[in-house]
Amino acid sequence: MMTHRPALEVRTPQLAERDAIVATITSDATFKATEVAVAVELIDAALAASPDYLLLVALRDEGIVGYICFGPTPMTDATWDLYWVVVGSAHRGLGAARTLVAAMEASVKARGGRHVRVETSETEGYGAARALYARLGYPEASVLPDFYSPGDALITYYKQL
């Protein structure tokens, strides 16, 4: 028997939703304190209308379940960076990340973007993210061994839209 999933809405967040957005990234122990600090810095910049960072949130009936942060890559004419795609731990596996990435890609295309670059870690905690990028057609473009720390490579994905 199929259960009904509430509709997912994606939109630009309001400043008053900051704490709910931050709660998604702190919903479990996936991210280290230093990673959370960087994510919150980008959230705050996007909410302050920085031209360098854009933010979209995914909502279900219960409120914000995830977000995506992205922006134009400096010194390029049509490449964008996907900085963070985060879904709260209680809402994973329901398609929110896929929906957020699709909305980001549509936004990038609407702004004349042609490529999206994603950087992530090779550690086990980022395995779900790497699998998501592969499922969404983001080919692996490079691996820089020991980038973050010994045994933790930087993996770059690069997709042509």
N, C-alpha and C. Protein backbone atom coordinates (compact mmCIF):
# COMPACT_ATOMS: atom_id res chain seq x y z
N MET A 1 0.83 -1.18 0.00
CA MET A 1 0.00 0.00 0.00
C MET A 1 0.88 1.25 0.00
N MET A 2 0.61 2.17 -0.90
CA MET A 2 1.39 3.41 -0.97
C MET A 2 0.85 4.42 0.03
N THR A 3 1.77 5.09 0.69
CA THR A 3 1.36 6.16 1.59
C THR A 3 1.48 7.48 0.85
N HIS A 4 0.65 8.42 1.23
CA HIS A 4 0.64 9.73 0.58
C HIS A 4 1.76 10.60 1.16
N ARG A 5 2.56 11.16 0.27
CA ARG A 5 3.60 12.11 0.69
C ARG A 5 3.06 13.51 0.49
N PRO A 6 3.21 14.38 1.48
CA PRO A 6 2.79 15.76 1.29
C PRO A 6 3.58 16.39 0.14
N ALA A 7 2.96 17.31 -0.56
CA ALA A 7 3.62 17.99 -1.67
C ALA A 7 4.85 18.74 -1.19
N LEU A 8 5.85 18.78 -2.04
CA LEU A 8 7.08 19.49 -1.74
C LEU A 8 7.06 20.81 -2.50
N GLU A 9 7.30 21.89 -1.80
CA GLU A 9 7.38 23.22 -2.40
C GLU A 9 8.82 23.69 -2.32
N VAL A 10 9.31 24.31 -3.39
CA VAL A 10 10.65 24.91 -3.38
C VAL A 10 10.49 26.39 -3.66
N ARG A 11 11.13 27.20 -2.83
CA ARG A 11 11.04 28.65 -3.01
C ARG A 11 12.23 29.33 -2.34
N THR A 12 12.35 30.63 -2.60
CA THR A 12 13.35 31.45 -1.92
C THR A 12 12.90 31.66 -0.47
N PRO A 13 13.81 31.52 0.47
CA PRO A 13 13.41 31.66 1.88
C PRO A 13 13.26 33.12 2.31
N GLN A 14 12.60 33.27 3.43
CA GLN A 14 12.46 34.57 4.08
C GLN A 14 13.47 34.63 5.22
N LEU A 15 13.89 35.83 5.56
CA LEU A 15 14.87 36.04 6.63
C LEU A 15 14.40 35.38 7.93
N ALA A 16 13.12 35.44 8.21
CA ALA A 16 12.58 34.87 9.45
C ALA A 16 12.73 33.34 9.50
N GLU A 17 13.08 32.71 8.39
CA GLU A 17 13.22 31.26 8.35
C GLU A 17 14.66 30.79 8.59
N ARG A 18 15.54 31.71 8.92
CA ARG A 18 16.95 31.38 9.10
C ARG A 18 17.15 30.20 10.05
N ASP A 19 16.55 30.27 11.23
CA ASP A 19 16.77 29.22 12.22
C ASP A 19 16.29 27.86 11.73
N ALA A 20 15.19 27.84 11.00
CA ALA A 20 14.68 26.57 10.45
C ALA A 20 15.63 26.02 9.40
N ILE A 21 16.26 26.90 8.62
CA ILE A 21 17.24 26.45 7.63
C ILE A 21 18.46 25.87 8.34
N VAL A 22 18.96 26.60 9.33
CA VAL A 22 20.13 26.13 10.08
C VAL A 22 19.81 24.80 10.77
N ALA A 23 18.58 24.62 11.22
CA ALA A 23 18.21 23.37 11.90
C ALA A 23 18.37 22.15 11.00
N THR A 24 18.25 22.33 9.68
CA THR A 24 18.42 21.17 8.80
C THR A 24 19.85 20.66 8.83
N ILE A 25 20.80 21.58 8.89
CA ILE A 25 22.21 21.16 8.84
C ILE A 25 22.70 20.65 10.20
N THR A 26 21.99 20.99 11.25
CA THR A 26 22.36 20.53 12.58
C THR A 26 21.42 19.43 13.09
N SER A 27 20.63 18.84 12.17
CA SER A 27 19.63 17.84 12.58
C SER A 27 20.24 16.51 13.01
N ASP A 28 21.50 16.30 12.68
CA ASP A 28 22.22 15.11 13.13
C ASP A 28 23.71 15.43 13.11
N ALA A 29 24.53 14.40 13.25
CA ALA A 29 25.98 14.61 13.37
C ALA A 29 26.70 14.46 12.02
N THR A 30 26.00 14.63 10.91
CA THR A 30 26.64 14.49 9.60
C THR A 30 27.79 15.47 9.43
N PHE A 31 27.60 16.71 9.86
CA PHE A 31 28.58 17.76 9.60
C PHE A 31 29.35 18.14 10.85
N LYS A 32 30.66 18.36 10.68
CA LYS A 32 31.52 18.82 11.76
C LYS A 32 31.19 20.28 12.08
N ALA A 33 31.58 20.72 13.25
CA ALA A 33 31.31 22.11 13.67
C ALA A 33 31.89 23.12 12.69
N THR A 34 33.07 22.84 12.14
CA THR A 34 33.66 23.78 11.17
C THR A 34 32.83 23.84 9.89
N GLU A 35 32.26 22.70 9.48
CA GLU A 35 31.42 22.69 8.28
C GLU A 35 30.11 23.45 8.54
N VAL A 36 29.53 23.25 9.71
CA VAL A 36 28.31 23.97 10.05
C VAL A 36 28.57 25.47 10.04
N ALA A 37 29.71 25.89 10.58
CA ALA A 37 30.03 27.32 10.62
C ALA A 37 30.10 27.91 9.21
N VAL A 38 30.72 27.19 8.30
CA VAL A 38 30.82 27.68 6.91
C VAL A 38 29.43 27.71 6.27
N ALA A 39 28.65 26.66 6.48
CA ALA A 39 27.30 26.62 5.90
C ALA A 39 26.46 27.78 6.42
N VAL A 40 26.53 28.05 7.71
CA VAL A 40 25.74 29.15 8.29
C VAL A 40 26.22 30.50 7.75
N GLU A 41 27.51 30.64 7.54
CA GLU A 41 28.05 31.87 6.95
C GLU A 41 27.44 32.11 5.56
N LEU A 42 27.35 31.06 4.75
CA LEU A 42 26.77 31.19 3.42
C LEU A 42 25.27 31.43 3.48
N ILE A 43 24.59 30.78 4.41
CA ILE A 43 23.16 31.02 4.60
C ILE A 43 22.92 32.49 4.92
N ASP A 44 23.70 33.01 5.86
CA ASP A 44 23.55 34.41 6.25
C ASP A 44 23.84 35.35 5.09
N ALA A 45 24.86 35.05 4.30
CA ALA A 45 25.19 35.90 3.15
C ALA A 45 24.05 35.88 2.13
N ALA A 46 23.50 34.70 1.87
CA ALA A 46 22.40 34.59 0.91
C ALA A 46 21.17 35.33 1.42
N LEU A 47 20.85 35.20 2.70
CA LEU A 47 19.69 35.88 3.26
C LEU A 47 19.88 37.40 3.28
N ALA A 48 21.14 37.84 3.28
CA ALA A 48 21.44 39.28 3.23
C ALA A 48 21.50 39.79 1.79
N ALA A 49 21.07 38.95 0.85
CA ALA A 49 20.98 39.31 -0.57
C ALA A 49 22.34 39.50 -1.24
N SER A 50 23.35 38.75 -0.80
CA SER A 50 24.64 38.77 -1.48
C SER A 50 24.45 38.25 -2.90
N PRO A 51 25.04 38.92 -3.89
CA PRO A 51 24.92 38.41 -5.26
C PRO A 51 25.73 37.13 -5.49
N ASP A 52 26.57 36.78 -4.54
CA ASP A 52 27.44 35.61 -4.68
C ASP A 52 26.78 34.30 -4.26
N TYR A 53 25.70 34.38 -3.49
CA TYR A 53 25.07 33.18 -2.94
C TYR A 53 23.56 33.27 -3.06
N LEU A 54 22.96 32.20 -3.59
CA LEU A 54 21.51 32.09 -3.68
C LEU A 54 21.07 30.91 -2.84
N LEU A 55 19.87 31.00 -2.33
CA LEU A 55 19.35 29.99 -1.43
C LEU A 55 17.93 29.63 -1.85
N LEU A 56 17.65 28.34 -1.88
CA LEU A 56 16.29 27.85 -2.06
C LEU A 56 16.00 26.88 -0.93
N VAL A 57 14.76 26.85 -0.48
CA VAL A 57 14.37 25.91 0.57
C VAL A 57 13.29 24.98 0.03
N ALA A 58 13.28 23.78 0.59
CA ALA A 58 12.22 22.80 0.31
C ALA A 58 11.34 22.73 1.53
N LEU A 59 10.03 22.78 1.29
CA LEU A 59 9.07 22.74 2.38
C LEU A 59 8.03 21.65 2.14
N ARG A 60 7.61 21.04 3.22
CA ARG A 60 6.45 20.16 3.23
C ARG A 60 5.49 20.79 4.24
N ASP A 61 4.42 20.14 4.51
CA ASP A 61 3.42 20.68 5.44
C ASP A 61 4.04 21.09 6.78
N GLU A 62 5.01 20.32 7.24
CA GLU A 62 5.61 20.58 8.56
C GLU A 62 6.65 21.70 8.55
N GLY A 63 6.95 22.25 7.40
CA GLY A 63 7.89 23.37 7.31
C GLY A 63 9.10 23.03 6.46
N ILE A 64 10.18 23.74 6.70
CA ILE A 64 11.40 23.57 5.92
C ILE A 64 12.03 22.21 6.21
N VAL A 65 12.30 21.46 5.14
CA VAL A 65 12.91 20.14 5.29
C VAL A 65 14.33 20.11 4.72
N GLY A 66 14.71 21.13 3.95
CA GLY A 66 16.04 21.16 3.38
C GLY A 66 16.30 22.46 2.64
N TYR A 67 17.54 22.61 2.20
CA TYR A 67 17.91 23.82 1.45
C TYR A 67 19.05 23.52 0.50
N ILE A 68 19.23 24.43 -0.45
CA ILE A 68 20.36 24.36 -1.36
C ILE A 68 20.94 25.75 -1.47
N CYS A 69 22.26 25.84 -1.44
CA CYS A 69 22.98 27.11 -1.57
C CYS A 69 23.90 26.99 -2.78
N PHE A 70 23.85 27.98 -3.66
CA PHE A 70 24.64 27.95 -4.89
C PHE A 70 24.93 29.38 -5.32
N GLY A 71 25.87 29.52 -6.23
CA GLY A 71 26.20 30.86 -6.71
C GLY A 71 27.12 30.81 -7.91
N PRO A 72 27.25 31.95 -8.59
CA PRO A 72 28.12 32.01 -9.75
C PRO A 72 29.58 31.82 -9.35
N THR A 73 30.31 31.08 -10.15
CA THR A 73 31.72 30.86 -9.88
C THR A 73 32.50 32.10 -10.33
N PRO A 74 33.27 32.68 -9.43
CA PRO A 74 34.04 33.88 -9.81
C PRO A 74 34.92 33.62 -11.04
N MET A 75 35.06 34.65 -11.86
CA MET A 75 35.94 34.67 -13.03
C MET A 75 35.52 33.70 -14.12
N THR A 76 34.25 33.28 -14.13
CA THR A 76 33.73 32.46 -15.22
C THR A 76 32.52 33.17 -15.81
N ASP A 77 32.18 32.84 -17.04
CA ASP A 77 31.02 33.51 -17.63
C ASP A 77 29.74 32.71 -17.49
N ALA A 78 29.81 31.43 -17.17
CA ALA A 78 28.57 30.66 -17.11
C ALA A 78 28.67 29.42 -16.23
N THR A 79 29.62 29.38 -15.31
CA THR A 79 29.76 28.25 -14.39
C THR A 79 29.27 28.67 -13.02
N TRP A 80 28.58 27.76 -12.37
CA TRP A 80 28.03 28.01 -11.04
C TRP A 80 28.53 26.93 -10.09
N ASP A 81 28.62 27.27 -8.82
CA ASP A 81 29.00 26.32 -7.78
C ASP A 81 27.78 25.93 -6.97
N LEU A 82 27.62 24.64 -6.73
CA LEU A 82 26.64 24.14 -5.77
C LEU A 82 27.43 23.98 -4.47
N TYR A 83 27.13 24.84 -3.50
CA TYR A 83 27.90 24.84 -2.26
C TYR A 83 27.36 23.83 -1.24
N TRP A 84 26.04 23.82 -1.05
CA TRP A 84 25.44 22.93 -0.06
C TRP A 84 24.08 22.48 -0.55
N VAL A 85 23.80 21.22 -0.40
CA VAL A 85 22.43 20.71 -0.51
C VAL A 85 22.24 19.85 0.73
N VAL A 86 21.30 20.26 1.58
CA VAL A 86 21.12 19.63 2.89
C VAL A 86 19.64 19.33 3.11
N VAL A 87 19.36 18.13 3.55
CA VAL A 87 18.01 17.75 3.93
C VAL A 87 18.07 17.27 5.37
N GLY A 88 17.15 17.77 6.19
CA GLY A 88 17.10 17.36 7.60
C GLY A 88 17.00 15.86 7.73
N SER A 89 17.60 15.32 8.78
CA SER A 89 17.70 13.87 8.93
C SER A 89 16.35 13.16 8.92
N ALA A 90 15.30 13.77 9.42
CA ALA A 90 13.99 13.12 9.46
C ALA A 90 13.29 13.10 8.10
N HIS A 91 13.86 13.80 7.12
CA HIS A 91 13.20 13.94 5.82
C HIS A 91 14.00 13.36 4.66
N ARG A 92 15.08 12.68 4.95
CA ARG A 92 15.91 12.11 3.89
C ARG A 92 15.23 10.92 3.24
N GLY A 93 15.54 10.73 1.96
CA GLY A 93 14.99 9.60 1.23
C GLY A 93 13.63 9.86 0.61
N LEU A 94 13.15 11.09 0.69
CA LEU A 94 11.83 11.43 0.15
C LEU A 94 11.89 12.27 -1.12
N GLY A 95 13.09 12.45 -1.67
CA GLY A 95 13.23 13.19 -2.92
C GLY A 95 13.48 14.67 -2.80
N ALA A 96 13.65 15.17 -1.58
CA ALA A 96 13.85 16.61 -1.41
C ALA A 96 15.16 17.08 -2.05
N ALA A 97 16.24 16.34 -1.89
CA ALA A 97 17.53 16.75 -2.46
C ALA A 97 17.45 16.78 -3.98
N ARG A 98 16.86 15.77 -4.57
CA ARG A 98 16.67 15.73 -6.04
C ARG A 98 15.86 16.94 -6.50
N THR A 99 14.80 17.25 -5.79
CA THR A 99 13.94 18.38 -6.16
C THR A 99 14.69 19.70 -6.01
N LEU A 100 15.48 19.83 -4.96
CA LEU A 100 16.27 21.06 -4.76
C LEU A 100 17.31 21.23 -5.87
N VAL A 101 17.99 20.15 -6.24
CA VAL A 101 19.00 20.24 -7.30
C VAL A 101 18.33 20.61 -8.62
N ALA A 102 17.19 20.03 -8.92
CA ALA A 102 16.47 20.37 -10.16
C ALA A 102 16.07 21.84 -10.17
N ALA A 103 15.61 22.36 -9.04
CA ALA A 103 15.24 23.77 -8.96
C ALA A 103 16.46 24.67 -9.11
N MET A 104 17.59 24.26 -8.52
CA MET A 104 18.83 25.02 -8.67
C MET A 104 19.27 25.04 -10.12
N GLU A 105 19.23 23.88 -10.78
CA GLU A 105 19.62 23.82 -12.19
C GLU A 105 18.74 24.72 -13.05
N ALA A 106 17.44 24.74 -12.79
CA ALA A 106 16.52 25.61 -13.54
C ALA A 106 16.87 27.08 -13.29
N SER A 107 17.20 27.42 -12.07
CA SER A 107 17.57 28.79 -11.73
C SER A 107 18.87 29.20 -12.41
N VAL A 108 19.84 28.29 -12.41
CA VAL A 108 21.13 28.56 -13.06
C VAL A 108 20.92 28.77 -14.56
N LYS A 109 20.16 27.89 -15.19
CA LYS A 109 19.88 28.03 -16.63
C LYS A 109 19.19 29.36 -16.92
N ALA A 110 18.22 29.73 -16.09
CA ALA A 110 17.48 30.98 -16.29
C ALA A 110 18.40 32.20 -16.19
N ARG A 111 19.52 32.05 -15.50
CA ARG A 111 20.49 33.14 -15.34
C ARG A 111 21.63 33.04 -16.36
N GLY A 112 21.49 32.16 -17.34
CA GLY A 112 22.49 32.02 -18.38
C GLY A 112 23.61 31.05 -18.05
N GLY A 113 23.48 30.33 -16.95
CA GLY A 113 24.50 29.35 -16.57
C GLY A 113 24.48 28.13 -17.47
N ARG A 114 25.67 27.58 -17.69
CA ARG A 114 25.80 26.39 -18.54
C ARG A 114 26.42 25.19 -17.83
N HIS A 115 27.07 25.44 -16.70
CA HIS A 115 27.76 24.36 -15.98
C HIS A 115 27.55 24.53 -14.48
N VAL A 116 27.59 23.39 -13.78
CA VAL A 116 27.55 23.40 -12.32
C VAL A 116 28.71 22.56 -11.81
N ARG A 117 29.45 23.12 -10.87
CA ARG A 117 30.57 22.43 -10.23
C ARG A 117 30.20 22.14 -8.77
N VAL A 118 30.56 20.94 -8.32
CA VAL A 118 30.31 20.53 -6.95
C VAL A 118 31.60 19.94 -6.40
N GLU A 119 31.95 20.32 -5.18
CA GLU A 119 33.10 19.74 -4.51
C GLU A 119 32.62 19.04 -3.24
N THR A 120 33.16 17.86 -2.99
CA THR A 120 32.79 17.14 -1.78
C THR A 120 33.95 16.26 -1.31
N SER A 121 33.75 15.68 -0.18
CA SER A 121 34.75 14.83 0.47
C SER A 121 34.57 13.37 0.07
N GLU A 122 35.66 12.62 0.17
CA GLU A 122 35.58 11.18 -0.10
C GLU A 122 35.21 10.37 1.14
N THR A 123 35.06 11.03 2.29
CA THR A 123 34.78 10.27 3.52
C THR A 123 33.40 9.64 3.48
N GLU A 124 33.22 8.63 4.32
CA GLU A 124 31.98 7.85 4.36
C GLU A 124 30.76 8.74 4.60
N GLY A 125 30.90 9.77 5.42
CA GLY A 125 29.78 10.66 5.72
C GLY A 125 29.22 11.38 4.51
N TYR A 126 30.01 11.46 3.45
CA TYR A 126 29.56 12.13 2.23
C TYR A 126 29.20 11.14 1.12
N GLY A 127 29.10 9.87 1.47
CA GLY A 127 28.74 8.85 0.49
C GLY A 127 27.37 9.08 -0.12
N ALA A 128 26.40 9.48 0.69
CA ALA A 128 25.06 9.74 0.15
C ALA A 128 25.08 10.91 -0.83
N ALA A 129 25.86 11.92 -0.53
CA ALA A 129 25.97 13.07 -1.44
C ALA A 129 26.59 12.65 -2.76
N ARG A 130 27.66 11.86 -2.69
CA ARG A 130 28.31 11.40 -3.93
C ARG A 130 27.35 10.55 -4.76
N ALA A 131 26.58 9.70 -4.10
CA ALA A 131 25.61 8.88 -4.82
C ALA A 131 24.52 9.74 -5.46
N LEU A 132 24.09 10.79 -4.76
CA LEU A 132 23.10 11.72 -5.31
C LEU A 132 23.63 12.37 -6.57
N TYR A 133 24.84 12.91 -6.51
CA TYR A 133 25.41 13.58 -7.69
C TYR A 133 25.51 12.61 -8.88
N ALA A 134 25.91 11.39 -8.62
CA ALA A 134 26.01 10.40 -9.70
C ALA A 134 24.64 10.12 -10.30
N ARG A 135 23.62 9.94 -9.44
CA ARG A 135 22.26 9.68 -9.93
C ARG A 135 21.72 10.84 -10.76
N LEU A 136 22.14 12.06 -10.43
CA LEU A 136 21.63 13.24 -11.12
C LEU A 136 22.48 13.66 -12.32
N GLY A 137 23.40 12.79 -12.71
CA GLY A 137 24.16 13.04 -13.93
C GLY A 137 25.34 13.98 -13.77
N TYR A 138 25.90 14.05 -12.58
CA TYR A 138 27.09 14.86 -12.34
C TYR A 138 28.32 13.96 -12.44
N PRO A 139 29.05 14.02 -13.56
CA PRO A 139 30.22 13.16 -13.67
C PRO A 139 31.38 13.65 -12.79
N GLU A 140 32.12 12.69 -12.28
CA GLU A 140 33.31 13.01 -11.49
C GLU A 140 34.35 13.62 -12.43
N ALA A 141 34.85 14.79 -12.08
CA ALA A 141 35.81 15.49 -12.94
C ALA A 141 37.24 15.40 -12.41
N SER A 142 37.39 15.32 -11.09
CA SER A 142 38.75 15.25 -10.54
C SER A 142 38.72 14.73 -9.11
N VAL A 143 39.87 14.22 -8.70
CA VAL A 143 40.09 13.78 -7.33
C VAL A 143 41.44 14.32 -6.90
N LEU A 144 41.46 15.06 -5.81
CA LEU A 144 42.71 15.58 -5.25
C LEU A 144 42.97 14.84 -3.94
N PRO A 145 43.89 13.87 -3.95
CA PRO A 145 44.14 13.07 -2.75
C PRO A 145 44.60 13.93 -1.57
N ASP A 146 44.19 13.52 -0.39
CA ASP A 146 44.63 14.14 0.87
C ASP A 146 44.37 15.65 0.92
N PHE A 147 43.37 16.12 0.22
CA PHE A 147 43.09 17.55 0.15
C PHE A 147 42.63 18.11 1.50
N TYR A 148 41.62 17.50 2.10
CA TYR A 148 41.10 17.99 3.37
C TYR A 148 41.97 17.58 4.55
N SER A 149 42.46 16.34 4.47
CA SER A 149 43.34 15.78 5.49
C SER A 149 43.86 14.46 4.93
N PRO A 150 44.86 13.84 5.56
CA PRO A 150 45.34 12.56 5.05
C PRO A 150 44.19 11.56 4.92
N GLY A 151 44.05 10.98 3.74
CA GLY A 151 42.99 10.01 3.49
C GLY A 151 41.65 10.61 3.13
N ASP A 152 41.58 11.92 3.00
CA ASP A 152 40.31 12.59 2.67
C ASP A 152 40.50 13.47 1.44
N ALA A 153 40.18 12.87 0.29
CA ALA A 153 40.34 13.56 -0.99
C ALA A 153 39.19 14.54 -1.24
N LEU A 154 39.49 15.53 -2.06
CA LEU A 154 38.47 16.41 -2.62
C LEU A 154 38.02 15.79 -3.93
N ILE A 155 36.71 15.56 -4.07
CA ILE A 155 36.16 15.02 -5.32
C ILE A 155 35.33 16.15 -5.94
N THR A 156 35.60 16.44 -7.22
CA THR A 156 34.88 17.48 -7.93
C THR A 156 34.00 16.84 -9.00
N TYR A 157 32.76 17.28 -9.04
CA TYR A 157 31.81 16.88 -10.06
C TYR A 157 31.53 18.11 -10.94
N TYR A 158 31.30 17.89 -12.21
CA TYR A 158 31.12 19.02 -13.14
C TYR A 158 30.10 18.62 -14.19
N LYS A 159 28.96 19.31 -14.19
CA LYS A 159 27.87 18.95 -15.09
C LYS A 159 27.58 20.07 -16.07
N GLN A 160 27.43 19.71 -17.33
CA GLN A 160 26.98 20.66 -18.34
C GLN A 160 25.46 20.60 -18.37
N LEU A 161 24.84 21.76 -18.24
CA LEU A 161 23.37 21.82 -18.21
C LEU A 161 22.80 21.88 -19.62
